[in-house]
PDB file of N, CA and C in Angstrom:
ATOM      1  N   MET A   1       0.847  -1.177   0.000  1.00  0.00           N
ATOM      2  CA  MET A   1       0.000   0.000   0.000  1.00  0.00           C
ATOM      3  C   MET A   1       0.897   1.247   0.000  1.00  0.00           C
ATOM      4  N   THR A   2       0.531   2.230  -0.787  1.00  0.00           N
ATOM      5  CA  THR A   2       1.293   3.470  -0.904  1.00  0.00           C
ATOM      6  C   THR A   2       0.921   4.431   0.218  1.00  0.00           C
ATOM      7  N   GLU A   3       1.912   5.059   0.797  1.00  0.00           N
ATOM      8  CA  GLU A   3       1.680   6.032   1.861  1.00  0.00           C
ATOM      9  C   GLU A   3       1.490   7.417   1.250  1.00  0.00           C
ATOM     10  N   VAL A   4       0.453   8.112   1.696  1.00  0.00           N
ATOM     11  CA  VAL A   4       0.195   9.487   1.273  1.00  0.00           C
ATOM     12  C   VAL A   4       0.277  10.364   2.519  1.00  0.00           C
ATOM     13  N   LYS A   5       1.160  11.336   2.480  1.00  0.00           N
ATOM     14  CA  LYS A   5       1.315  12.225   3.625  1.00  0.00           C
ATOM     15  C   LYS A   5       0.237  13.310   3.581  1.00  0.00           C
ATOM     16  N   ILE A   6      -0.394  13.537   4.732  1.00  0.00           N
ATOM     17  CA  ILE A   6      -1.443  14.547   4.850  1.00  0.00           C
ATOM     18  C   ILE A   6      -1.054  15.521   5.952  1.00  0.00           C
ATOM     19  N   MET A   7      -1.179  16.812   5.662  1.00  0.00           N
ATOM     20  CA  MET A   7      -0.883  17.840   6.651  1.00  0.00           C
ATOM     21  C   MET A   7      -2.156  18.654   6.898  1.00  0.00           C
ATOM     22  N   ARG A   8      -2.491  18.822   8.155  1.00  0.00           N
ATOM     23  CA  ARG A   8      -3.648  19.641   8.508  1.00  0.00           C
ATOM     24  C   ARG A   8      -3.237  21.112   8.423  1.00  0.00           C
ATOM     25  N   LEU A   9      -4.025  21.926   7.732  1.00  0.00           N
ATOM     26  CA  LEU A   9      -3.775  23.358   7.622  1.00  0.00           C
ATOM     27  C   LEU A   9      -4.500  24.090   8.749  1.00  0.00           C
ATOM     28  N   ALA A  10      -4.164  25.341   8.942  1.00  0.00           N
ATOM     29  CA  ALA A  10      -4.770  26.128  10.020  1.00  0.00           C
ATOM     30  C   ALA A  10      -6.295  26.151   9.924  1.00  0.00           C
ATOM     31  N   ASN A  11      -6.840  26.227   8.700  1.00  0.00           N
ATOM     32  CA  ASN A  11      -8.304  26.289   8.559  1.00  0.00           C
ATOM     33  C   ASN A  11      -8.973  24.920   8.712  1.00  0.00           C
ATOM     34  N   GLY A  12      -8.187  23.868   8.921  1.00  0.00           N
ATOM     35  CA  GLY A  12      -8.744  22.533   9.104  1.00  0.00           C
ATOM     36  C   GLY A  12      -8.716  22.049  10.537  1.00  0.00           C
ATOM     37  N   GLU A  13      -8.405  22.945  11.458  1.00  0.00           N
ATOM     38  CA  GLU A  13      -8.345  22.565  12.871  1.00  0.00           C
ATOM     39  C   GLU A  13      -9.677  21.979  13.311  1.00  0.00           C
ATOM     40  N   GLY A  14      -9.640  20.792  13.887  1.00  0.00           N
ATOM     41  CA  GLY A  14     -10.850  20.141  14.381  1.00  0.00           C
ATOM     42  C   GLY A  14     -11.550  19.253  13.364  1.00  0.00           C
ATOM     43  N   LEU A  15     -11.162  19.316  12.083  1.00  0.00           N
ATOM     44  CA  LEU A  15     -11.777  18.462  11.060  1.00  0.00           C
ATOM     45  C   LEU A  15     -11.147  17.075  11.069  1.00  0.00           C
ATOM     46  N   GLU A  16     -11.946  16.070  10.761  1.00  0.00           N
ATOM     47  CA  GLU A  16     -11.409  14.719  10.583  1.00  0.00           C
ATOM     48  C   GLU A  16     -10.602  14.670   9.295  1.00  0.00           C
ATOM     49  N   PHE A  17      -9.568  13.842   9.299  1.00  0.00           N
ATOM     50  CA  PHE A  17      -8.853  13.588   8.049  1.00  0.00           C
ATOM     51  C   PHE A  17      -9.769  12.778   7.137  1.00  0.00           C
ATOM     52  N   PRO A  18      -9.507  12.761   5.820  1.00  0.00           N
ATOM     53  CA  PRO A  18     -10.319  11.937   4.924  1.00  0.00           C
ATOM     54  C   PRO A  18     -10.370  10.497   5.431  1.00  0.00           C
ATOM     55  N   SER A  19     -11.551   9.883   5.348  1.00  0.00           N
ATOM     56  CA  SER A  19     -11.720   8.515   5.842  1.00  0.00           C
ATOM     57  C   SER A  19     -12.812   7.807   5.044  1.00  0.00           C
ATOM     58  N   TYR A  20     -12.797   6.478   5.111  1.00  0.00           N
ATOM     59  CA  TYR A  20     -13.831   5.673   4.465  1.00  0.00           C
ATOM     60  C   TYR A  20     -15.085   5.695   5.326  1.00  0.00           C
ATOM     61  N   ALA A  21     -16.230   5.997   4.733  1.00  0.00           N
ATOM     62  CA  ALA A  21     -17.491   6.052   5.478  1.00  0.00           C
ATOM     63  C   ALA A  21     -18.007   4.653   5.802  1.00  0.00           C
ATOM     64  N   THR A  22     -17.759   3.692   4.915  1.00  0.00           N
ATOM     65  CA  THR A  22     -18.196   2.310   5.124  1.00  0.00           C
ATOM     66  C   THR A  22     -17.074   1.368   4.713  1.00  0.00           C
ATOM     67  N   SER A  23     -17.175   0.120   5.121  1.00  0.00           N
ATOM     68  CA  SER A  23     -16.125  -0.852   4.807  1.00  0.00           C
ATOM     69  C   SER A  23     -16.033  -1.141   3.308  1.00  0.00           C
ATOM     70  N   GLY A  24     -17.107  -0.970   2.560  1.00  0.00           N
ATOM     71  CA  GLY A  24     -17.094  -1.243   1.133  1.00  0.00           C
ATOM     72  C   GLY A  24     -16.885  -0.017   0.256  1.00  0.00           C
ATOM     73  N   ALA A  25     -16.599   1.128   0.879  1.00  0.00           N
ATOM     74  CA  ALA A  25     -16.456   2.372   0.118  1.00  0.00           C
ATOM     75  C   ALA A  25     -15.255   2.320  -0.825  1.00  0.00           C
ATOM     76  N   ALA A  26     -15.403   2.890  -2.008  1.00  0.00           N
ATOM     77  CA  ALA A  26     -14.322   2.927  -2.993  1.00  0.00           C
ATOM     78  C   ALA A  26     -13.369   4.098  -2.758  1.00  0.00           C
ATOM     79  N   GLY A  27     -13.846   5.142  -2.108  1.00  0.00           N
ATOM     80  CA  GLY A  27     -13.024   6.330  -1.883  1.00  0.00           C
ATOM     81  C   GLY A  27     -13.239   6.894  -0.496  1.00  0.00           C
ATOM     82  N   LEU A  28     -12.400   7.817  -0.157  1.00  0.00           N
ATOM     83  CA  LEU A  28     -12.458   8.466   1.155  1.00  0.00           C
ATOM     84  C   LEU A  28     -13.381   9.677   1.106  1.00  0.00           C
ATOM     85  N   ASP A  29     -14.035   9.970   2.201  1.00  0.00           N
ATOM     86  CA  ASP A  29     -14.855  11.178   2.299  1.00  0.00           C
ATOM     87  C   ASP A  29     -13.969  12.341   2.712  1.00  0.00           C
ATOM     88  N   LEU A  30     -14.081  13.433   1.998  1.00  0.00           N
ATOM     89  CA  LEU A  30     -13.308  14.648   2.241  1.00  0.00           C
ATOM     90  C   LEU A  30     -14.243  15.697   2.819  1.00  0.00           C
ATOM     91  N   ARG A  31     -13.845  16.335   3.896  1.00  0.00           N
ATOM     92  CA  ARG A  31     -14.698  17.319   4.548  1.00  0.00           C
ATOM     93  C   ARG A  31     -14.357  18.740   4.124  1.00  0.00           C
ATOM     94  N   ALA A  32     -15.325  19.611   4.198  1.00  0.00           N
ATOM     95  CA  ALA A  32     -15.112  21.023   3.884  1.00  0.00           C
ATOM     96  C   ALA A  32     -14.648  21.748   5.135  1.00  0.00           C
ATOM     97  N   ALA A  33     -13.754  22.705   4.956  1.00  0.00           N
ATOM     98  CA  ALA A  33     -13.207  23.457   6.091  1.00  0.00           C
ATOM     99  C   ALA A  33     -14.071  24.661   6.459  1.00  0.00           C
ATOM    100  N   GLU A  34     -15.104  24.919   5.687  1.00  0.00           N
ATOM    101  CA  GLU A  34     -16.031  25.997   6.031  1.00  0.00           C
ATOM    102  C   GLU A  34     -17.409  25.647   5.502  1.00  0.00           C
ATOM    103  N   SER A  35     -18.400  26.345   5.982  1.00  0.00           N
ATOM    104  CA  SER A  35     -19.782  26.108   5.580  1.00  0.00           C
ATOM    105  C   SER A  35     -20.252  27.270   4.715  1.00  0.00           C
ATOM    106  N   THR A  36     -21.038  26.956   3.711  1.00  0.00           N
ATOM    107  CA  THR A  36     -21.585  27.998   2.850  1.00  0.00           C
ATOM    108  C   THR A  36     -22.915  27.533   2.280  1.00  0.00           C
ATOM    109  N   THR A  37     -23.689  28.469   1.802  1.00  0.00           N
ATOM    110  CA  THR A  37     -24.937  28.161   1.109  1.00  0.00           C
ATOM    111  C   THR A  37     -24.816  28.687  -0.308  1.00  0.00           C
ATOM    112  N   LEU A  38     -25.071  27.809  -1.275  1.00  0.00           N
ATOM    113  CA  LEU A  38     -24.993  28.198  -2.679  1.00  0.00           C
ATOM    114  C   LEU A  38     -26.379  28.378  -3.258  1.00  0.00           C
ATOM    115  N   LYS A  39     -26.528  29.370  -4.100  1.00  0.00           N
ATOM    116  CA  LYS A  39     -27.759  29.566  -4.850  1.00  0.00           C
ATOM    117  C   LYS A  39     -27.722  28.636  -6.063  1.00  0.00           C
ATOM    118  N   PRO A  40     -28.868  28.359  -6.683  1.00  0.00           N
ATOM    119  CA  PRO A  40     -28.874  27.502  -7.870  1.00  0.00           C
ATOM    120  C   PRO A  40     -27.867  27.984  -8.916  1.00  0.00           C
ATOM    121  N   SER A  41     -27.090  27.059  -9.432  1.00  0.00           N
ATOM    122  CA  SER A  41     -26.059  27.275 -10.460  1.00  0.00           C
ATOM    123  C   SER A  41     -24.844  28.065  -9.954  1.00  0.00           C
ATOM    124  N   GLU A  42     -24.807  28.416  -8.696  1.00  0.00           N
ATOM    125  CA  GLU A  42     -23.665  29.139  -8.147  1.00  0.00           C
ATOM    126  C   GLU A  42     -22.521  28.166  -7.879  1.00  0.00           C
ATOM    127  N   ARG A  43     -21.286  28.654  -8.013  1.00  0.00           N
ATOM    128  CA  ARG A  43     -20.096  27.843  -7.783  1.00  0.00           C
ATOM    129  C   ARG A  43     -19.208  28.541  -6.771  1.00  0.00           C
ATOM    130  N   CYS A  44     -18.371  27.754  -6.101  1.00  0.00           N
ATOM    131  CA  CYS A  44     -17.389  28.341  -5.197  1.00  0.00           C
ATOM    132  C   CYS A  44     -16.219  27.375  -5.027  1.00  0.00           C
ATOM    133  N   LEU A  45     -15.097  27.913  -4.622  1.00  0.00           N
ATOM    134  CA  LEU A  45     -13.962  27.085  -4.234  1.00  0.00           C
ATOM    135  C   LEU A  45     -14.141  26.763  -2.759  1.00  0.00           C
ATOM    136  N   MET A  46     -14.021  25.498  -2.403  1.00  0.00           N
ATOM    137  CA  MET A  46     -14.256  25.088  -1.025  1.00  0.00           C
ATOM    138  C   MET A  46     -12.960  24.551  -0.427  1.00  0.00           C
ATOM    139  N   PRO A  47     -12.435  25.202   0.607  1.00  0.00           N
ATOM    140  CA  PRO A  47     -11.208  24.719   1.231  1.00  0.00           C
ATOM    141  C   PRO A  47     -11.452  23.405   1.982  1.00  0.00           C
ATOM    142  N   THR A  48     -10.437  22.543   1.999  1.00  0.00           N
ATOM    143  CA  THR A  48     -10.547  21.243   2.662  1.00  0.00           C
ATOM    144  C   THR A  48      -9.843  21.196   4.006  1.00  0.00           C
ATOM    145  N   GLY A  49      -8.973  22.165   4.279  1.00  0.00           N
ATOM    146  CA  GLY A  49      -8.258  22.170   5.537  1.00  0.00           C
ATOM    147  C   GLY A  49      -7.070  21.230   5.590  1.00  0.00           C
ATOM    148  N   ILE A  50      -6.721  20.635   4.440  1.00  0.00           N
ATOM    149  CA  ILE A  50      -5.573  19.726   4.396  1.00  0.00           C
ATOM    150  C   ILE A  50      -4.721  20.012   3.166  1.00  0.00           C
ATOM    151  N   ALA A  51      -3.496  19.525   3.220  1.00  0.00           N
ATOM    152  CA  ALA A  51      -2.604  19.496   2.057  1.00  0.00           C
ATOM    153  C   ALA A  51      -2.084  18.069   1.976  1.00  0.00           C
ATOM    154  N   ILE A  52      -1.970  17.544   0.758  1.00  0.00           N
ATOM    155  CA  ILE A  52      -1.479  16.171   0.604  1.00  0.00           C
ATOM    156  C   ILE A  52      -0.222  16.155  -0.258  1.00  0.00           C
ATOM    157  N   ALA A  53       0.641  15.195   0.002  1.00  0.00           N
ATOM    158  CA  ALA A  53       1.857  14.989  -0.777  1.00  0.00           C
ATOM    159  C   ALA A  53       1.724  13.633  -1.462  1.00  0.00           C
ATOM    160  N   LEU A  54       1.363  13.654  -2.728  1.00  0.00           N
ATOM    161  CA  LEU A  54       1.183  12.406  -3.464  1.00  0.00           C
ATOM    162  C   LEU A  54       2.519  11.898  -3.992  1.00  0.00           C
ATOM    163  N   PRO A  55       2.745  10.595  -3.895  1.00  0.00           N
ATOM    164  CA  PRO A  55       3.953  10.026  -4.484  1.00  0.00           C
ATOM    165  C   PRO A  55       3.907  10.149  -6.009  1.00  0.00           C
ATOM    166  N   ALA A  56       5.052  10.048  -6.637  1.00  0.00           N
ATOM    167  CA  ALA A  56       5.117  10.090  -8.103  1.00  0.00           C
ATOM    168  C   ALA A  56       4.222   9.010  -8.699  1.00  0.00           C
ATOM    169  N   HIS A  57       3.617   9.318  -9.830  1.00  0.00           N
ATOM    170  CA  HIS A  57       2.766   8.386 -10.590  1.00  0.00           C
ATOM    171  C   HIS A  57       1.446   8.061  -9.893  1.00  0.00           C
ATOM    172  N   HIS A  58       0.992   8.917  -8.990  1.00  0.00           N
ATOM    173  CA  HIS A  58      -0.296   8.763  -8.322  1.00  0.00           C
ATOM    174  C   HIS A  58      -1.111  10.031  -8.536  1.00  0.00           C
ATOM    175  N   GLU A  59      -2.414   9.911  -8.366  1.00  0.00           N
ATOM    176  CA  GLU A  59      -3.287  11.073  -8.471  1.00  0.00           C
ATOM    177  C   GLU A  59      -4.362  11.004  -7.405  1.00  0.00           C
ATOM    178  N   ALA A  60      -4.925  12.138  -7.082  1.00  0.00           N
ATOM    179  CA  ALA A  60      -6.081  12.219  -6.185  1.00  0.00           C
ATOM    180  C   ALA A  60      -7.204  12.865  -6.984  1.00  0.00           C
ATOM    181  N   GLN A  61      -8.419  12.403  -6.775  1.00  0.00           N
ATOM    182  CA  GLN A  61      -9.566  12.954  -7.478  1.00  0.00           C
ATOM    183  C   GLN A  61     -10.622  13.381  -6.468  1.00  0.00           C
ATOM    184  N   VAL A  62     -11.267  14.486  -6.743  1.00  0.00           N
ATOM    185  CA  VAL A  62     -12.414  14.919  -5.945  1.00  0.00           C
ATOM    186  C   VAL A  62     -13.644  14.652  -6.797  1.00  0.00           C
ATOM    187  N   ARG A  63     -14.543  13.836  -6.277  1.00  0.00           N
ATOM    188  CA  ARG A  63     -15.758  13.463  -7.006  1.00  0.00           C
ATOM    189  C   ARG A  63     -16.982  13.791  -6.162  1.00  0.00           C
ATOM    190  N   PRO A  64     -18.087  14.074  -6.824  1.00  0.00           N
ATOM    191  CA  PRO A  64     -19.310  14.342  -6.064  1.00  0.00           C
ATOM    192  C   PRO A  64     -19.849  13.067  -5.431  1.00  0.00           C
ATOM    193  N   ARG A  65     -20.470  13.210  -4.281  1.00  0.00           N
ATOM    194  CA  ARG A  65     -21.167  12.065  -3.686  1.00  0.00           C
ATOM    195  C   ARG A  65     -22.451  11.881  -4.475  1.00  0.00           C
ATOM    196  N   SER A  66     -22.747  10.660  -4.836  1.00  0.00           N
ATOM    197  CA  SER A  66     -23.894  10.420  -5.715  1.00  0.00           C
ATOM    198  C   SER A  66     -25.200  10.940  -5.127  1.00  0.00           C
ATOM    199  N   VAL A  67     -25.401  10.799  -3.831  1.00  0.00           N
ATOM    200  CA  VAL A  67     -26.654  11.254  -3.241  1.00  0.00           C
ATOM    201  C   VAL A  67     -26.783  12.778  -3.324  1.00  0.00           C
ATOM    202  N   LEU A  68     -25.703  13.497  -3.207  1.00  0.00           N
ATOM    203  CA  LEU A  68     -25.761  14.958  -3.315  1.00  0.00           C
ATOM    204  C   LEU A  68     -25.841  15.416  -4.767  1.00  0.00           C
ATOM    205  N   ALA A  69     -25.219  14.683  -5.668  1.00  0.00           N
ATOM    206  CA  ALA A  69     -25.229  15.069  -7.073  1.00  0.00           C
ATOM    207  C   ALA A  69     -26.604  14.848  -7.700  1.00  0.00           C
ATOM    208  N   VAL A  70     -27.278  13.787  -7.322  1.00  0.00           N
ATOM    209  CA  VAL A  70     -28.563  13.446  -7.938  1.00  0.00           C
ATOM    210  C   VAL A  70     -29.712  14.252  -7.350  1.00  0.00           C
ATOM    211  N   LYS A  71     -29.821  14.294  -6.031  1.00  0.00           N
ATOM    212  CA  LYS A  71     -30.990  14.938  -5.420  1.00  0.00           C
ATOM    213  C   LYS A  71     -30.896  16.460  -5.436  1.00  0.00           C
ATOM    214  N   PRO A  72     -30.005  17.110  -4.675  1.00  0.00           N
ATOM    215  CA  PRO A  72     -29.994  18.579  -4.700  1.00  0.00           C
ATOM    216  C   PRO A  72     -29.123  19.176  -5.806  1.00  0.00           C
ATOM    217  N   GLY A  73     -28.374  18.355  -6.538  1.00  0.00           N
ATOM    218  CA  GLY A  73     -27.594  18.871  -7.653  1.00  0.00           C
ATOM    219  C   GLY A  73     -26.238  19.441  -7.276  1.00  0.00           C
ATOM    220  N   VAL A  74     -25.676  19.031  -6.144  1.00  0.00           N
ATOM    221  CA  VAL A  74     -24.343  19.483  -5.745  1.00  0.00           C
ATOM    222  C   VAL A  74     -23.320  18.593  -6.442  1.00  0.00           C
ATOM    223  N   THR A  75     -22.427  19.196  -7.205  1.00  0.00           N
ATOM    224  CA  THR A  75     -21.477  18.388  -7.967  1.00  0.00           C
ATOM    225  C   THR A  75     -20.132  19.103  -8.066  1.00  0.00           C
ATOM    226  N   VAL A  76     -19.203  18.473  -8.723  1.00  0.00           N
ATOM    227  CA  VAL A  76     -17.860  19.004  -8.962  1.00  0.00           C
ATOM    228  C   VAL A  76     -17.709  19.183 -10.475  1.00  0.00           C
ATOM    229  N   PRO A  77     -17.359  20.383 -10.947  1.00  0.00           N
ATOM    230  CA  PRO A  77     -17.203  20.579 -12.397  1.00  0.00           C
ATOM    231  C   PRO A  77     -16.228  19.571 -13.005  1.00  0.00           C
ATOM    232  N   HIS A  78     -16.561  19.052 -14.145  1.00  0.00           N
ATOM    233  CA  HIS A  78     -15.737  18.119 -14.919  1.00  0.00           C
ATOM    234  C   HIS A  78     -15.519  16.794 -14.218  1.00  0.00           C
ATOM    235  N   ALA A  79     -16.356  16.440 -13.264  1.00  0.00           N
ATOM    236  CA  ALA A  79     -16.221  15.176 -12.559  1.00  0.00           C
ATOM    237  C   ALA A  79     -16.966  14.069 -13.296  1.00  0.00           C
ATOM    238  N   PRO A  80     -16.455  12.838 -13.224  1.00  0.00           N
ATOM    239  CA  PRO A  80     -17.205  11.725 -13.796  1.00  0.00           C
ATOM    240  C   PRO A  80     -18.403  11.413 -12.915  1.00  0.00           C
ATOM    241  N   GLY A  81     -19.360  10.690 -13.425  1.00  0.00           N
ATOM    242  CA  GLY A  81     -20.504  10.283 -12.626  1.00  0.00           C
ATOM    243  C   GLY A  81     -21.694  11.187 -12.841  1.00  0.00           C
ATOM    244  N   PRO A  82     -22.694  11.086 -11.896  1.00  0.00           N
ATOM    245  CA  PRO A  82     -23.945  11.837 -12.065  1.00  0.00           C
ATOM    246  C   PRO A  82     -23.766  13.331 -12.037  1.00  0.00           C
TER     247      PRO A  82
END
């Protein structure tokens, strides 16, 4: 298994590090470092409160959670999936 170093930033104080929500989950859940309300079709950059150091030849992807993408329409631009 490849080790990925994660550093908590000042705005991430008190947030959990990314973690698997269930034993069968394919990816880790990433938390937002602040709360906001978006209007329909509005976009924003959302801080995560962490910085990661990926090893060479690896990538990290941010994808929408299917339940949020389908029902209220919260998604990530250019993301695969719903």
